[in-house]
Structures are given as structure tokens and as C-alpha cells.
Amino acid sequence: MQRLILATRNANKVTELRAILAGAGLSVELVGADAYPDVPDVKESGITFAENALLKAHALARATGLPAVADDSGLCVDVLGGAPGIFSARWAGKHGDDRANLELLLAQLEDITGPHRTAHFACAAALAFPDGRERVVEGRLHGTLRHAPAGEGGFGYDPILQPEGETRTCAEMTPEEKNAISHRGKAFRALAPVIREMLD
């Protein structure tokens, strides 16, 4: 069975992609980056989600000799010209401070009215091989931004993005409901047939 490595140490993300690949009828052994603890984390120096995903996938494929999958995602706010975008996780300065990022963004959008609070989550998912072959696919989840956070689930900007056609934020949905429509779920599902084609 072909082993495939996902550039994450997040067990939930590995489980999510495993389920998607199984649902697509792919029999591969998917492991996370923690299966190779000596592989260093990659600096995300790209200027697009696709570039960052490819940087991580290629670095992991070279280091392990295995096909590697990586993703990069963030929130793109229309009135901010697509920001915070690739800077979503460090919008307030410190990487991964979800609360500070959320508070800063809400402050920046304080005077923006409902119709102009459109935004989308974007995710680029990349597949890279040790021989340099690569493919990238993208997924998006469109919605509008609430004026205040709602819900206890999810992470990042989930408490303020209300998907199109929904009355709840992403943070008010169950993980299963969110995965069914999420930008990452869409990107991973689009990647499954690409993985099959390139492994064959």
C-alpha cells in the first residue's frame, strides 16, 4: 500500500483527509508529519496559499522520499482587498493568536455595514512527489462576517464567518457539518482524484 504523508501535526486534519480518501475509494496509508519527527517545519515564505502549500509539500517529499500533501488556508475579506489572506494566522502580529486576530479584524471592520462584509475562506491543497511532480487544487467557502463572534466550535475566524445560505457561523456548526462545506474539505475532495491519477 502506498504511503502518503500530510504536512501537519494536527491529528484531526489527518483523520479528515483519511476519511475523504477512503470515501473516494483510495487505498493509501496516510500519516502525519509527526511520523517523521526529524523533518523540520517549513517557513511559509510564499505570497499565495498555493505557493505556501507547494513549499511545504515539496520539502516533506524531499525529506521523506514519499508523495506529500500540504495545505495552506486563510480568510479573505473583500473590502480589505483579500486581506488578511496568507497573513490570517498572524494578522495581529503573533502567529496563532486566534483571539487577537479576531479582535483586530472586527475592529478594522467596525464601520462596515452588512452588505459589504462579504468574505471567503480559501484553501490550497498541494500534492508533491520526490521527483518534483506537483499539482495544486483550491477550495472556497463564501459567506459574510458577523459583528461579534458566535459559537464555541472551530478555531481561527470560524466564530465570525456565516456561510452563504446559513443562519449560523462556522463555530456554531458540528465538525461534520462544517467539514461537509469547508474550504479545506472542498480542496481535499478535489485532490483525491488527482492523487489517484498521479499514483497510477
N, C-alpha and C. Protein backbone atom coordinates (compact mmCIF):
# COMPACT_ATOMS: atom_id res chain seq x y z
N MET A 1 0.85 -1.19 0.00
CA MET A 1 0.00 0.00 0.00
C MET A 1 0.89 1.25 0.00
N GLN A 2 0.57 2.18 -0.89
CA GLN A 2 1.37 3.41 -1.00
C GLN A 2 1.19 4.28 0.24
N ARG A 3 2.32 4.72 0.80
CA ARG A 3 2.26 5.64 1.96
C ARG A 3 2.28 7.08 1.44
N LEU A 4 1.46 7.90 2.05
CA LEU A 4 1.32 9.31 1.69
C LEU A 4 1.47 10.09 2.98
N ILE A 5 2.20 11.21 2.94
CA ILE A 5 2.39 11.98 4.17
C ILE A 5 1.72 13.35 4.05
N LEU A 6 1.03 13.74 5.10
CA LEU A 6 0.35 15.03 5.14
C LEU A 6 1.15 15.98 6.02
N ALA A 7 1.43 17.16 5.49
CA ALA A 7 2.27 18.13 6.21
C ALA A 7 1.49 18.81 7.34
N THR A 8 1.25 18.06 8.39
CA THR A 8 0.59 18.62 9.57
C THR A 8 0.92 17.75 10.77
N ARG A 9 0.89 18.36 11.93
CA ARG A 9 1.00 17.59 13.18
C ARG A 9 -0.36 17.59 13.89
N ASN A 10 -1.39 18.02 13.14
CA ASN A 10 -2.76 18.08 13.66
C ASN A 10 -3.47 16.76 13.32
N ALA A 11 -3.73 15.95 14.35
CA ALA A 11 -4.33 14.62 14.14
C ALA A 11 -5.72 14.72 13.51
N ASN A 12 -6.48 15.79 13.82
CA ASN A 12 -7.82 15.96 13.25
C ASN A 12 -7.77 16.15 11.74
N LYS A 13 -6.75 16.86 11.28
CA LYS A 13 -6.61 17.09 9.83
C LYS A 13 -6.27 15.79 9.11
N VAL A 14 -5.42 14.96 9.75
CA VAL A 14 -5.07 13.66 9.18
C VAL A 14 -6.31 12.78 9.08
N THR A 15 -7.10 12.76 10.15
CA THR A 15 -8.34 11.97 10.18
C THR A 15 -9.30 12.42 9.09
N GLU A 16 -9.41 13.75 8.92
CA GLU A 16 -10.32 14.31 7.90
C GLU A 16 -9.91 13.87 6.50
N LEU A 17 -8.61 14.00 6.17
CA LEU A 17 -8.16 13.61 4.83
C LEU A 17 -8.25 12.11 4.63
N ARG A 18 -7.95 11.35 5.69
CA ARG A 18 -8.06 9.88 5.62
C ARG A 18 -9.48 9.47 5.20
N ALA A 19 -10.48 10.10 5.85
CA ALA A 19 -11.89 9.78 5.57
C ALA A 19 -12.25 10.16 4.13
N ILE A 20 -11.75 11.30 3.67
CA ILE A 20 -12.04 11.75 2.30
C ILE A 20 -11.43 10.79 1.27
N LEU A 21 -10.18 10.37 1.51
CA LEU A 21 -9.52 9.44 0.58
C LEU A 21 -10.20 8.08 0.57
N ALA A 22 -10.62 7.63 1.76
CA ALA A 22 -11.33 6.34 1.84
C ALA A 22 -12.66 6.44 1.11
N GLY A 23 -13.35 7.57 1.28
CA GLY A 23 -14.64 7.80 0.61
C GLY A 23 -14.50 7.83 -0.90
N ALA A 24 -13.30 8.21 -1.37
CA ALA A 24 -13.04 8.26 -2.82
C ALA A 24 -12.53 6.91 -3.33
N GLY A 25 -12.46 5.92 -2.42
CA GLY A 25 -12.04 4.58 -2.82
C GLY A 25 -10.54 4.42 -2.99
N LEU A 26 -9.77 5.32 -2.37
CA LEU A 26 -8.31 5.25 -2.48
C LEU A 26 -7.73 4.44 -1.33
N SER A 27 -6.97 3.41 -1.63
CA SER A 27 -6.36 2.63 -0.55
C SER A 27 -4.90 3.06 -0.42
N VAL A 28 -4.70 4.11 0.38
CA VAL A 28 -3.35 4.60 0.68
C VAL A 28 -3.20 4.66 2.20
N GLU A 29 -1.96 4.59 2.66
CA GLU A 29 -1.69 4.73 4.08
C GLU A 29 -1.30 6.18 4.32
N LEU A 30 -2.18 6.94 4.96
CA LEU A 30 -1.91 8.36 5.21
C LEU A 30 -1.36 8.55 6.61
N VAL A 31 -0.22 9.25 6.71
CA VAL A 31 0.35 9.57 8.02
C VAL A 31 0.61 11.06 8.09
N GLY A 32 0.69 11.59 9.31
CA GLY A 32 1.01 12.99 9.52
C GLY A 32 2.51 13.19 9.64
N ALA A 33 2.93 14.45 9.70
CA ALA A 33 4.35 14.77 9.78
C ALA A 33 4.98 14.27 11.08
N ASP A 34 4.16 14.04 12.10
CA ASP A 34 4.72 13.56 13.37
C ASP A 34 5.28 12.14 13.26
N ALA A 35 4.96 11.44 12.16
CA ALA A 35 5.55 10.11 11.92
C ALA A 35 7.03 10.24 11.55
N TYR A 36 7.45 11.47 11.21
CA TYR A 36 8.84 11.76 10.85
C TYR A 36 9.31 12.97 11.66
N PRO A 37 9.54 12.77 12.97
CA PRO A 37 9.84 13.90 13.86
C PRO A 37 11.10 14.68 13.53
N ASP A 38 12.01 14.08 12.75
CA ASP A 38 13.25 14.78 12.41
C ASP A 38 13.09 15.78 11.27
N VAL A 39 11.93 15.72 10.60
CA VAL A 39 11.71 16.64 9.48
C VAL A 39 11.35 18.02 10.04
N PRO A 40 12.12 19.06 9.68
CA PRO A 40 11.85 20.39 10.23
C PRO A 40 10.61 21.03 9.63
N ASP A 41 10.00 21.96 10.38
CA ASP A 41 8.87 22.72 9.85
C ASP A 41 9.38 23.66 8.77
N VAL A 42 8.52 23.96 7.80
CA VAL A 42 8.91 24.79 6.66
C VAL A 42 8.41 26.21 6.86
N LYS A 43 9.28 27.18 6.54
CA LYS A 43 8.88 28.58 6.62
C LYS A 43 7.95 28.89 5.45
N GLU A 44 6.79 29.46 5.75
CA GLU A 44 5.80 29.79 4.71
C GLU A 44 6.14 31.16 4.12
N SER A 45 7.06 31.15 3.14
CA SER A 45 7.55 32.40 2.58
C SER A 45 6.89 32.76 1.25
N GLY A 46 5.90 31.96 0.83
CA GLY A 46 5.20 32.25 -0.42
C GLY A 46 4.27 33.44 -0.27
N ILE A 47 3.79 33.96 -1.42
CA ILE A 47 2.87 35.11 -1.36
C ILE A 47 1.44 34.72 -1.74
N THR A 48 1.24 33.41 -1.96
CA THR A 48 -0.13 32.90 -2.19
C THR A 48 -0.30 31.61 -1.38
N PHE A 49 -1.56 31.23 -1.18
CA PHE A 49 -1.84 29.96 -0.49
C PHE A 49 -1.20 28.80 -1.26
N ALA A 50 -1.30 28.84 -2.59
CA ALA A 50 -0.76 27.75 -3.43
C ALA A 50 0.75 27.63 -3.26
N GLU A 51 1.45 28.78 -3.26
CA GLU A 51 2.91 28.75 -3.11
C GLU A 51 3.30 28.15 -1.76
N ASN A 52 2.61 28.56 -0.70
CA ASN A 52 2.93 28.04 0.64
C ASN A 52 2.66 26.54 0.74
N ALA A 53 1.54 26.09 0.15
CA ALA A 53 1.21 24.67 0.18
C ALA A 53 2.27 23.86 -0.57
N LEU A 54 2.71 24.37 -1.73
CA LEU A 54 3.74 23.68 -2.52
C LEU A 54 5.09 23.65 -1.80
N LEU A 55 5.45 24.75 -1.14
CA LEU A 55 6.71 24.79 -0.37
C LEU A 55 6.74 23.67 0.65
N LYS A 56 5.63 23.53 1.39
CA LYS A 56 5.55 22.51 2.44
C LYS A 56 5.54 21.11 1.86
N ALA A 57 4.76 20.90 0.79
CA ALA A 57 4.66 19.57 0.19
C ALA A 57 5.99 19.11 -0.39
N HIS A 58 6.68 20.00 -1.12
CA HIS A 58 7.97 19.64 -1.73
C HIS A 58 9.03 19.35 -0.66
N ALA A 59 9.05 20.18 0.39
CA ALA A 59 10.04 19.98 1.45
C ALA A 59 9.85 18.62 2.12
N LEU A 60 8.60 18.26 2.35
CA LEU A 60 8.30 16.98 3.00
C LEU A 60 8.59 15.80 2.07
N ALA A 61 8.25 15.95 0.79
CA ALA A 61 8.52 14.88 -0.19
C ALA A 61 10.02 14.63 -0.31
N ARG A 62 10.81 15.72 -0.34
CA ARG A 62 12.28 15.58 -0.44
C ARG A 62 12.85 14.92 0.82
N ALA A 63 12.33 15.33 1.97
CA ALA A 63 12.88 14.85 3.25
C ALA A 63 12.53 13.38 3.53
N THR A 64 11.39 12.93 3.02
CA THR A 64 10.92 11.58 3.35
C THR A 64 11.02 10.60 2.19
N GLY A 65 11.12 11.13 0.95
CA GLY A 65 11.11 10.25 -0.21
C GLY A 65 9.73 9.72 -0.55
N LEU A 66 8.70 10.35 0.04
CA LEU A 66 7.32 9.92 -0.18
C LEU A 66 6.51 11.02 -0.85
N PRO A 67 5.40 10.65 -1.54
CA PRO A 67 4.48 11.69 -2.00
C PRO A 67 3.93 12.43 -0.78
N ALA A 68 3.83 13.75 -0.89
CA ALA A 68 3.39 14.54 0.25
C ALA A 68 2.27 15.49 -0.13
N VAL A 69 1.35 15.66 0.82
CA VAL A 69 0.23 16.59 0.66
C VAL A 69 0.39 17.69 1.70
N ALA A 70 0.13 18.93 1.29
CA ALA A 70 0.15 20.05 2.24
C ALA A 70 -0.96 21.01 1.85
N ASP A 71 -1.42 21.78 2.83
CA ASP A 71 -2.43 22.78 2.51
C ASP A 71 -2.08 24.08 3.21
N ASP A 72 -2.60 25.17 2.67
CA ASP A 72 -2.48 26.47 3.32
C ASP A 72 -3.82 27.17 3.12
N SER A 73 -4.27 27.84 4.16
CA SER A 73 -5.59 28.45 4.07
C SER A 73 -5.68 29.71 4.89
N GLY A 74 -6.73 30.48 4.66
CA GLY A 74 -6.93 31.70 5.41
C GLY A 74 -8.24 32.36 5.03
N LEU A 75 -8.47 33.52 5.63
CA LEU A 75 -9.69 34.29 5.40
C LEU A 75 -9.38 35.46 4.48
N CYS A 76 -10.21 35.64 3.46
CA CYS A 76 -10.04 36.75 2.51
C CYS A 76 -11.28 37.64 2.59
N VAL A 77 -11.09 38.87 3.03
CA VAL A 77 -12.20 39.82 3.21
C VAL A 77 -12.23 40.77 2.02
N ASP A 78 -13.39 40.83 1.33
CA ASP A 78 -13.49 41.59 0.08
C ASP A 78 -13.16 43.07 0.27
N VAL A 79 -13.71 43.70 1.30
CA VAL A 79 -13.50 45.14 1.49
C VAL A 79 -12.05 45.46 1.88
N LEU A 80 -11.30 44.46 2.31
CA LEU A 80 -9.88 44.63 2.64
C LEU A 80 -8.99 44.17 1.49
N GLY A 81 -9.58 44.00 0.31
CA GLY A 81 -8.79 43.61 -0.86
C GLY A 81 -8.23 42.21 -0.78
N GLY A 82 -8.92 41.33 0.00
CA GLY A 82 -8.47 39.95 0.11
C GLY A 82 -7.64 39.68 1.37
N ALA A 83 -7.34 40.71 2.14
CA ALA A 83 -6.63 40.52 3.42
C ALA A 83 -7.63 39.97 4.44
N PRO A 84 -7.16 39.32 5.52
CA PRO A 84 -5.76 39.04 5.85
C PRO A 84 -5.07 37.98 4.99
N GLY A 85 -5.83 37.15 4.24
CA GLY A 85 -5.22 36.23 3.29
C GLY A 85 -4.16 35.34 3.90
N ILE A 86 -2.97 35.33 3.28
CA ILE A 86 -1.90 34.45 3.77
C ILE A 86 -1.40 34.85 5.16
N PHE A 87 -1.77 36.06 5.61
CA PHE A 87 -1.36 36.52 6.94
C PHE A 87 -2.43 36.25 8.00
N SER A 88 -3.44 35.44 7.67
CA SER A 88 -4.57 35.21 8.58
C SER A 88 -4.14 34.75 9.97
N ALA A 89 -3.18 33.82 10.04
CA ALA A 89 -2.78 33.26 11.34
C ALA A 89 -1.94 34.22 12.16
N ARG A 90 -1.40 35.27 11.51
CA ARG A 90 -0.57 36.23 12.25
C ARG A 90 -1.01 37.67 11.99
N TRP A 91 -2.29 37.88 11.77
CA TRP A 91 -2.83 39.20 11.44
C TRP A 91 -2.56 40.23 12.54
N ALA A 92 -2.61 39.80 13.78
CA ALA A 92 -2.37 40.72 14.90
C ALA A 92 -0.90 40.74 15.32
N GLY A 93 -0.05 40.04 14.57
CA GLY A 93 1.38 40.09 14.85
C GLY A 93 1.98 38.77 15.30
N LYS A 94 1.34 38.11 16.25
CA LYS A 94 1.89 36.86 16.78
C LYS A 94 1.19 35.67 16.12
N HIS A 95 1.95 34.72 15.61
CA HIS A 95 1.37 33.59 14.88
C HIS A 95 0.49 32.75 15.80
N GLY A 96 -0.74 32.49 15.33
CA GLY A 96 -1.62 31.57 16.04
C GLY A 96 -2.41 32.15 17.21
N ASP A 97 -2.39 33.48 17.38
CA ASP A 97 -3.18 34.09 18.45
C ASP A 97 -4.58 34.39 17.92
N ASP A 98 -5.44 33.36 17.92
CA ASP A 98 -6.76 33.45 17.31
C ASP A 98 -7.58 34.63 17.84
N ARG A 99 -7.57 34.80 19.14
CA ARG A 99 -8.40 35.85 19.74
C ARG A 99 -7.95 37.25 19.32
N ALA A 100 -6.64 37.48 19.35
CA ALA A 100 -6.12 38.79 18.94
C ALA A 100 -6.40 39.06 17.46
N ASN A 101 -6.23 38.04 16.62
CA ASN A 101 -6.50 38.18 15.19
C ASN A 101 -7.96 38.55 14.96
N LEU A 102 -8.85 37.86 15.66
CA LEU A 102 -10.30 38.08 15.53
C LEU A 102 -10.68 39.50 15.97
N GLU A 103 -10.15 39.90 17.12
CA GLU A 103 -10.48 41.22 17.67
C GLU A 103 -9.97 42.35 16.77
N LEU A 104 -8.76 42.18 16.23
CA LEU A 104 -8.21 43.20 15.33
C LEU A 104 -9.06 43.32 14.07
N LEU A 105 -9.42 42.18 13.49
CA LEU A 105 -10.22 42.20 12.26
C LEU A 105 -11.58 42.85 12.51
N LEU A 106 -12.25 42.49 13.60
CA LEU A 106 -13.55 43.08 13.92
C LEU A 106 -13.43 44.59 14.12
N ALA A 107 -12.36 45.04 14.74
CA ALA A 107 -12.13 46.48 14.95
C ALA A 107 -11.94 47.18 13.60
N GLN A 108 -11.22 46.53 12.69
CA GLN A 108 -10.98 47.13 11.37
C GLN A 108 -12.26 47.23 10.54
N LEU A 109 -13.21 46.33 10.81
CA LEU A 109 -14.47 46.29 10.03
C LEU A 109 -15.65 46.92 10.78
N GLU A 110 -15.36 47.58 11.90
CA GLU A 110 -16.41 48.08 12.78
C GLU A 110 -17.47 48.92 12.07
N ASP A 111 -17.02 49.79 11.15
CA ASP A 111 -17.95 50.71 10.48
C ASP A 111 -18.51 50.17 9.17
N ILE A 112 -18.13 48.95 8.82
CA ILE A 112 -18.59 48.36 7.55
C ILE A 112 -19.94 47.68 7.75
N THR A 113 -20.91 48.04 6.91
CA THR A 113 -22.28 47.51 7.07
C THR A 113 -22.42 46.14 6.41
N GLY A 114 -23.51 45.45 6.77
CA GLY A 114 -23.79 44.07 6.36
C GLY A 114 -23.47 43.69 4.93
N PRO A 115 -24.04 44.42 3.93
CA PRO A 115 -23.84 44.00 2.53
C PRO A 115 -22.37 44.02 2.10
N HIS A 116 -21.55 44.79 2.81
CA HIS A 116 -20.14 44.93 2.41
C HIS A 116 -19.21 44.07 3.27
N ARG A 117 -19.80 43.17 4.08
CA ARG A 117 -18.98 42.33 4.96
C ARG A 117 -18.77 40.94 4.36
N THR A 118 -18.73 40.86 3.04
CA THR A 118 -18.54 39.56 2.38
C THR A 118 -17.08 39.12 2.48
N ALA A 119 -16.91 37.80 2.58
CA ALA A 119 -15.57 37.23 2.73
C ALA A 119 -15.62 35.76 2.34
N HIS A 120 -14.47 35.15 2.21
CA HIS A 120 -14.45 33.71 2.00
C HIS A 120 -13.20 33.11 2.65
N PHE A 121 -13.35 31.87 3.09
CA PHE A 121 -12.20 31.07 3.49
C PHE A 121 -11.66 30.43 2.21
N ALA A 122 -10.35 30.45 2.04
CA ALA A 122 -9.72 29.82 0.87
C ALA A 122 -8.71 28.80 1.35
N CYS A 123 -8.60 27.70 0.61
CA CYS A 123 -7.62 26.67 0.93
C CYS A 123 -6.98 26.17 -0.36
N ALA A 124 -5.67 26.12 -0.39
CA ALA A 124 -4.95 25.47 -1.49
C ALA A 124 -4.37 24.17 -0.94
N ALA A 125 -4.61 23.07 -1.65
CA ALA A 125 -4.06 21.77 -1.26
C ALA A 125 -3.11 21.32 -2.36
N ALA A 126 -1.91 20.97 -1.96
CA ALA A 126 -0.87 20.61 -2.94
C ALA A 126 -0.43 19.16 -2.75
N LEU A 127 -0.09 18.54 -3.87
CA LEU A 127 0.50 17.19 -3.87
C LEU A 127 1.85 17.30 -4.56
N ALA A 128 2.91 16.81 -3.89
CA ALA A 128 4.25 16.86 -4.49
C ALA A 128 4.92 15.50 -4.36
N PHE A 129 5.71 15.16 -5.35
CA PHE A 129 6.45 13.90 -5.37
C PHE A 129 7.94 14.18 -5.24
N PRO A 130 8.71 13.21 -4.73
CA PRO A 130 10.16 13.40 -4.60
C PRO A 130 10.84 13.76 -5.93
N ASP A 131 10.24 13.34 -7.06
CA ASP A 131 10.85 13.64 -8.37
C ASP A 131 10.49 15.04 -8.89
N GLY A 132 9.73 15.80 -8.08
CA GLY A 132 9.43 17.18 -8.47
C GLY A 132 8.05 17.40 -9.07
N ARG A 133 7.34 16.30 -9.41
CA ARG A 133 5.99 16.48 -9.94
C ARG A 133 5.11 17.14 -8.89
N GLU A 134 4.15 17.94 -9.33
CA GLU A 134 3.28 18.66 -8.40
C GLU A 134 1.93 18.98 -9.00
N ARG A 135 0.94 19.12 -8.14
CA ARG A 135 -0.40 19.59 -8.54
C ARG A 135 -0.99 20.37 -7.36
N VAL A 136 -1.79 21.38 -7.68
CA VAL A 136 -2.47 22.16 -6.64
C VAL A 136 -3.93 22.32 -7.01
N VAL A 137 -4.81 22.20 -6.02
CA VAL A 137 -6.23 22.46 -6.21
C VAL A 137 -6.68 23.43 -5.11
N GLU A 138 -7.82 24.07 -5.32
CA GLU A 138 -8.28 25.04 -4.33
C GLU A 138 -9.74 24.82 -3.97
N GLY A 139 -10.10 25.23 -2.77
CA GLY A 139 -11.48 25.18 -2.31
C GLY A 139 -11.82 26.48 -1.60
N ARG A 140 -13.10 26.89 -1.69
CA ARG A 140 -13.52 28.13 -1.03
C ARG A 140 -14.85 27.94 -0.31
N LEU A 141 -15.01 28.71 0.76
CA LEU A 141 -16.28 28.77 1.48
C LEU A 141 -16.65 30.24 1.60
N HIS A 142 -17.70 30.65 0.86
CA HIS A 142 -18.12 32.05 0.85
C HIS A 142 -19.14 32.34 1.95
N GLY A 143 -19.11 33.57 2.44
CA GLY A 143 -20.06 33.96 3.47
C GLY A 143 -19.96 35.44 3.80
N THR A 144 -20.54 35.82 4.93
CA THR A 144 -20.45 37.19 5.43
C THR A 144 -19.93 37.17 6.86
N LEU A 145 -19.36 38.30 7.28
CA LEU A 145 -18.75 38.37 8.60
C LEU A 145 -19.71 39.01 9.61
N ARG A 146 -19.93 38.34 10.70
CA ARG A 146 -20.74 38.87 11.80
C ARG A 146 -19.99 40.02 12.49
N HIS A 147 -20.75 40.82 13.25
CA HIS A 147 -20.14 41.92 14.01
C HIS A 147 -19.56 41.44 15.33
N ALA A 148 -19.99 40.26 15.78
CA ALA A 148 -19.48 39.71 17.04
C ALA A 148 -19.37 38.20 16.90
N PRO A 149 -18.41 37.58 17.58
CA PRO A 149 -18.24 36.12 17.49
C PRO A 149 -19.45 35.37 18.04
N ALA A 150 -19.73 34.21 17.45
CA ALA A 150 -20.81 33.34 17.94
C ALA A 150 -20.40 31.89 17.76
N GLY A 151 -20.62 31.08 18.80
CA GLY A 151 -20.30 29.65 18.73
C GLY A 151 -19.00 29.31 19.43
N GLU A 152 -18.94 28.06 19.88
CA GLU A 152 -17.78 27.59 20.65
C GLU A 152 -16.89 26.64 19.85
N GLY A 153 -17.36 26.20 18.68
CA GLY A 153 -16.60 25.22 17.90
C GLY A 153 -15.58 25.88 17.00
N GLY A 154 -14.91 25.03 16.25
CA GLY A 154 -13.95 25.52 15.26
C GLY A 154 -12.77 26.24 15.87
N PHE A 155 -12.13 27.08 15.05
CA PHE A 155 -10.95 27.83 15.50
C PHE A 155 -10.77 28.99 14.54
N GLY A 156 -9.78 29.83 14.82
CA GLY A 156 -9.49 30.93 13.91
C GLY A 156 -10.65 31.89 13.78
N TYR A 157 -11.06 32.12 12.54
CA TYR A 157 -12.13 33.09 12.26
C TYR A 157 -13.51 32.44 12.17
N ASP A 158 -13.59 31.14 12.50
CA ASP A 158 -14.87 30.42 12.44
C ASP A 158 -16.02 31.13 13.17
N PRO A 159 -15.76 31.75 14.34
CA PRO A 159 -16.88 32.37 15.07
C PRO A 159 -17.49 33.59 14.40
N ILE A 160 -16.86 34.14 13.35
CA ILE A 160 -17.48 35.32 12.71
C ILE A 160 -17.90 35.08 11.27
N LEU A 161 -17.50 33.97 10.65
CA LEU A 161 -17.94 33.74 9.26
C LEU A 161 -19.23 32.94 9.24
N GLN A 162 -20.25 33.56 8.63
CA GLN A 162 -21.54 32.89 8.44
C GLN A 162 -21.64 32.49 6.96
N PRO A 163 -21.56 31.17 6.67
CA PRO A 163 -21.58 30.72 5.28
C PRO A 163 -22.86 31.12 4.55
N GLU A 164 -22.76 31.30 3.25
CA GLU A 164 -23.93 31.61 2.41
C GLU A 164 -25.02 30.57 2.64
N GLY A 165 -26.26 31.03 2.81
CA GLY A 165 -27.38 30.12 2.99
C GLY A 165 -27.53 29.60 4.40
N GLU A 166 -26.67 30.04 5.31
CA GLU A 166 -26.70 29.59 6.71
C GLU A 166 -27.15 30.71 7.63
N THR A 167 -27.71 30.33 8.79
CA THR A 167 -28.04 31.33 9.81
C THR A 167 -27.03 31.27 10.95
N ARG A 168 -26.14 30.27 10.89
CA ARG A 168 -25.14 30.08 11.94
C ARG A 168 -23.74 30.39 11.43
N THR A 169 -22.83 30.65 12.36
CA THR A 169 -21.43 30.78 11.98
C THR A 169 -20.82 29.39 11.89
N CYS A 170 -19.61 29.31 11.33
CA CYS A 170 -18.90 28.03 11.25
C CYS A 170 -18.67 27.45 12.64
N ALA A 171 -18.50 28.33 13.64
CA ALA A 171 -18.23 27.87 15.01
C ALA A 171 -19.48 27.34 15.71
N GLU A 172 -20.67 27.59 15.11
CA GLU A 172 -21.92 27.08 15.68
C GLU A 172 -22.33 25.74 15.06
N MET A 173 -21.57 25.30 14.06
CA MET A 173 -21.88 24.03 13.39
C MET A 173 -21.15 22.88 14.07
N THR A 174 -21.64 21.66 13.84
CA THR A 174 -20.90 20.49 14.31
C THR A 174 -19.68 20.33 13.38
N PRO A 175 -18.64 19.64 13.84
CA PRO A 175 -17.48 19.41 12.96
C PRO A 175 -17.88 18.74 11.64
N GLU A 176 -18.85 17.83 11.70
CA GLU A 176 -19.29 17.11 10.49
C GLU A 176 -19.96 18.08 9.52
N GLU A 177 -20.82 18.97 10.05
CA GLU A 177 -21.50 19.95 9.19
C GLU A 177 -20.49 20.89 8.54
N LYS A 178 -19.54 21.34 9.33
CA LYS A 178 -18.53 22.27 8.82
C LYS A 178 -17.65 21.60 7.77
N ASN A 179 -17.19 20.36 8.04
CA ASN A 179 -16.32 19.65 7.09
C ASN A 179 -17.00 19.42 5.75
N ALA A 180 -18.32 19.24 5.79
CA ALA A 180 -19.07 18.97 4.56
C ALA A 180 -19.04 20.15 3.59
N ILE A 181 -18.89 21.37 4.13
CA ILE A 181 -18.92 22.56 3.26
C ILE A 181 -17.63 23.37 3.30
N SER A 182 -16.68 22.96 4.14
CA SER A 182 -15.50 23.80 4.38
C SER A 182 -14.59 23.90 3.16
N HIS A 183 -13.83 24.98 3.14
CA HIS A 183 -12.84 25.22 2.09
C HIS A 183 -11.80 24.09 2.05
N ARG A 184 -11.36 23.63 3.23
CA ARG A 184 -10.37 22.55 3.28
C ARG A 184 -10.98 21.25 2.79
N GLY A 185 -12.21 20.97 3.24
CA GLY A 185 -12.91 19.76 2.78
C GLY A 185 -13.05 19.74 1.26
N LYS A 186 -13.43 20.91 0.69
CA LYS A 186 -13.59 21.00 -0.77
C LYS A 186 -12.26 20.78 -1.48
N ALA A 187 -11.20 21.39 -0.94
CA ALA A 187 -9.88 21.24 -1.58
C ALA A 187 -9.39 19.79 -1.49
N PHE A 188 -9.53 19.18 -0.31
CA PHE A 188 -9.09 17.79 -0.15
C PHE A 188 -9.91 16.85 -1.04
N ARG A 189 -11.22 17.10 -1.16
CA ARG A 189 -12.05 16.24 -2.03
C ARG A 189 -11.65 16.40 -3.50
N ALA A 190 -11.27 17.63 -3.88
CA ALA A 190 -10.82 17.86 -5.26
C ALA A 190 -9.45 17.21 -5.50
N LEU A 191 -8.67 17.07 -4.42
CA LEU A 191 -7.32 16.48 -4.55
C LEU A 191 -7.36 14.96 -4.68
N ALA A 192 -8.41 14.34 -4.13
CA ALA A 192 -8.47 12.87 -4.11
C ALA A 192 -8.31 12.24 -5.51
N PRO A 193 -9.07 12.70 -6.54
CA PRO A 193 -8.87 12.09 -7.86
C PRO A 193 -7.50 12.40 -8.46
N VAL A 194 -6.91 13.54 -8.07
CA VAL A 194 -5.56 13.90 -8.54
C VAL A 194 -4.54 12.92 -7.95
N ILE A 195 -4.71 12.59 -6.66
CA ILE A 195 -3.82 11.63 -6.01
C ILE A 195 -3.91 10.27 -6.71
N ARG A 196 -5.15 9.86 -6.99
CA ARG A 196 -5.34 8.57 -7.68
C ARG A 196 -4.62 8.57 -9.04
N GLU A 197 -4.85 9.62 -9.79
CA GLU A 197 -4.27 9.72 -11.14
C GLU A 197 -2.74 9.72 -11.10
N MET A 198 -2.17 10.48 -10.16
CA MET A 198 -0.71 10.61 -10.12
C MET A 198 -0.02 9.41 -9.49
N LEU A 199 -0.71 8.70 -8.60
CA LEU A 199 -0.13 7.47 -8.05
C LEU A 199 -0.15 6.35 -9.07
N ASP A 200 -1.16 6.38 -9.96
CA ASP A 200 -1.23 5.34 -11.00
C ASP A 200 -0.15 5.56 -12.06
